[in-house]
C-alpha atoms as a PDB file:
ATOM      1  CA  MET A   1       0.000   0.000   0.000  1.00  0.00           C
ATOM      2  CA  LYS A   2       2.845   2.405   0.807  1.00  0.00           C
ATOM      3  CA  ILE A   3       4.498   1.717  -2.534  1.00  0.00           C
ATOM      4  CA  ILE A   4       1.332   2.671  -4.396  1.00  0.00           C
ATOM      5  CA  LEU A   5       1.067   5.917  -2.434  1.00  0.00           C
ATOM      6  CA  ILE A   6       4.716   6.761  -3.143  1.00  0.00           C
ATOM      7  CA  VAL A   7       4.240   6.053  -6.863  1.00  0.00           C
ATOM      8  CA  VAL A   8       1.120   8.253  -7.013  1.00  0.00           C
ATOM      9  CA  ILE A   9       2.897  11.136  -5.236  1.00  0.00           C
ATOM     10  CA  ALA A  10       5.955  10.805  -7.489  1.00  0.00           C
ATOM     11  CA  ALA A  11       3.743  10.800 -10.587  1.00  0.00           C
ATOM     12  CA  ALA A  12       1.980  13.961  -9.383  1.00  0.00           C
ATOM     13  CA  LEU A  13       5.325  15.699  -8.833  1.00  0.00           C
ATOM     14  CA  VAL A  14       6.562  14.727 -12.294  1.00  0.00           C
ATOM     15  CA  LEU A  15       3.329  15.935 -13.898  1.00  0.00           C
ATOM     16  CA  GLY A  16       3.663  19.240 -12.033  1.00  0.00           C
ATOM     17  CA  ALA A  17       7.248  19.623 -13.253  1.00  0.00           C
ATOM     18  CA  LEU A  18       6.168  18.909 -16.829  1.00  0.00           C
ATOM     19  CA  ASN A  19       3.226  21.324 -16.801  1.00  0.00           C
ATOM     20  CA  PHE A  20       4.406  24.398 -14.880  1.00  0.00           C
ATOM     21  CA  HIS A  21       7.249  26.938 -14.666  1.00  0.00           C
ATOM     22  CA  PHE A  22       8.036  27.790 -11.030  1.00  0.00           C
ATOM     23  CA  ILE A  23       9.592  31.254 -11.081  1.00  0.00           C
ATOM     24  CA  LEU A  24      11.252  32.966  -8.119  1.00  0.00           C
ATOM     25  CA  THR A  25      10.929  36.749  -8.554  1.00  0.00           C
ATOM     26  CA  ASP A  26      11.917  39.700  -6.376  1.00  0.00           C
ATOM     27  CA  SER A  27       8.323  39.973  -5.167  1.00  0.00           C
ATOM     28  CA  GLY A  28       7.885  36.239  -4.469  1.00  0.00           C
ATOM     29  CA  PRO A  29       7.283  32.939  -6.263  1.00  0.00           C
ATOM     30  CA  ARG A  30       5.086  32.757  -9.364  1.00  0.00           C
ATOM     31  CA  VAL A  31       3.734  29.850 -11.399  1.00  0.00           C
ATOM     32  CA  LEU A  32       3.160  29.824 -15.159  1.00  0.00           C
ATOM     33  CA  GLN A  33       1.653  27.026 -17.192  1.00  0.00           C
ATOM     34  CA  LYS A  34       4.036  25.595 -19.785  1.00  0.00           C
ATOM     35  CA  THR A  35       3.084  25.487 -23.447  1.00  0.00           C
ATOM     36  CA  ALA A  36       4.846  22.132 -23.988  1.00  0.00           C
ATOM     37  CA  LEU A  37       5.492  19.114 -21.770  1.00  0.00           C
ATOM     38  CA  THR A  38       9.189  19.404 -20.960  1.00  0.00           C
ATOM     39  CA  PHE A  39      11.497  19.567 -17.966  1.00  0.00           C
ATOM     40  CA  GLU A  40      13.318  22.644 -19.335  1.00  0.00           C
ATOM     41  CA  HIS A  41      12.964  25.858 -17.323  1.00  0.00           C
ATOM     42  CA  THR A  42      10.894  24.188 -14.603  1.00  0.00           C
ATOM     43  CA  PHE A  43      12.573  26.098 -11.770  1.00  0.00           C
ATOM     44  CA  VAL A  44      13.690  29.600 -12.745  1.00  0.00           C
ATOM     45  CA  ASP A  45      15.426  32.265 -10.654  1.00  0.00           C
ATOM     46  CA  ALA A  46      14.302  35.660 -11.964  1.00  0.00           C
ATOM     47  CA  ARG A  47      15.646  37.887  -9.206  1.00  0.00           C
ATOM     48  CA  GLY A  48      17.736  40.956  -9.948  1.00  0.00           C
ATOM     49  CA  ALA A  49      19.329  41.380 -13.372  1.00  0.00           C
ATOM     50  CA  LYS A  50      18.657  37.738 -14.370  1.00  0.00           C
ATOM     51  CA  LYS A  51      15.144  38.603 -15.523  1.00  0.00           C
ATOM     52  CA  TYR A  52      16.403  40.336 -18.681  1.00  0.00           C
ATOM     53  CA  LYS A  53      17.965  37.088 -19.907  1.00  0.00           C
ATOM     54  CA  LEU A  54      14.688  35.270 -19.240  1.00  0.00           C
ATOM     55  CA  LEU A  55      12.732  37.717 -21.390  1.00  0.00           C
ATOM     56  CA  THR A  56      14.616  36.361 -24.411  1.00  0.00           C
ATOM     57  CA  THR A  57      13.986  32.677 -23.645  1.00  0.00           C
ATOM     58  CA  PRO A  58      11.384  31.505 -26.201  1.00  0.00           C
ATOM     59  CA  ALA A  59       9.677  28.909 -23.970  1.00  0.00           C
ATOM     60  CA  LEU A  60       9.184  31.434 -21.156  1.00  0.00           C
ATOM     61  CA  VAL A  61       8.041  34.219 -23.489  1.00  0.00           C
ATOM     62  CA  LYS A  62       5.474  31.872 -25.021  1.00  0.00           C
ATOM     63  CA  ALA A  63       4.221  30.963 -21.528  1.00  0.00           C
ATOM     64  CA  GLY A  64       3.734  34.653 -20.690  1.00  0.00           C
ATOM     65  CA  ILE A  65       6.695  35.678 -18.528  1.00  0.00           C
ATOM     66  CA  LYS A  66       6.486  39.255 -19.826  1.00  0.00           C
ATOM     67  CA  GLU A  67       3.222  39.757 -17.937  1.00  0.00           C
ATOM     68  CA  ILE A  68       4.955  38.865 -14.664  1.00  0.00           C
ATOM     69  CA  PHE A  69       7.457  41.706 -15.011  1.00  0.00           C
ATOM     70  CA  GLU A  70       5.002  44.406 -16.118  1.00  0.00           C
END
């Protein structure tokens, strides 16, 4: 029974990582839905000057990161 619970929790974590960008900004954490199922840019640090580099990342721009910084 414990194995099944662990597998279900692990599957939920993997699905969350595939479906969302978790972005740490100066004002706190934000979540954006991804446009494609991928592990790229799952956890993003957008504090300080790093945010300008993120505004040129196609996957994040497509997901709507520009709206976070407006």
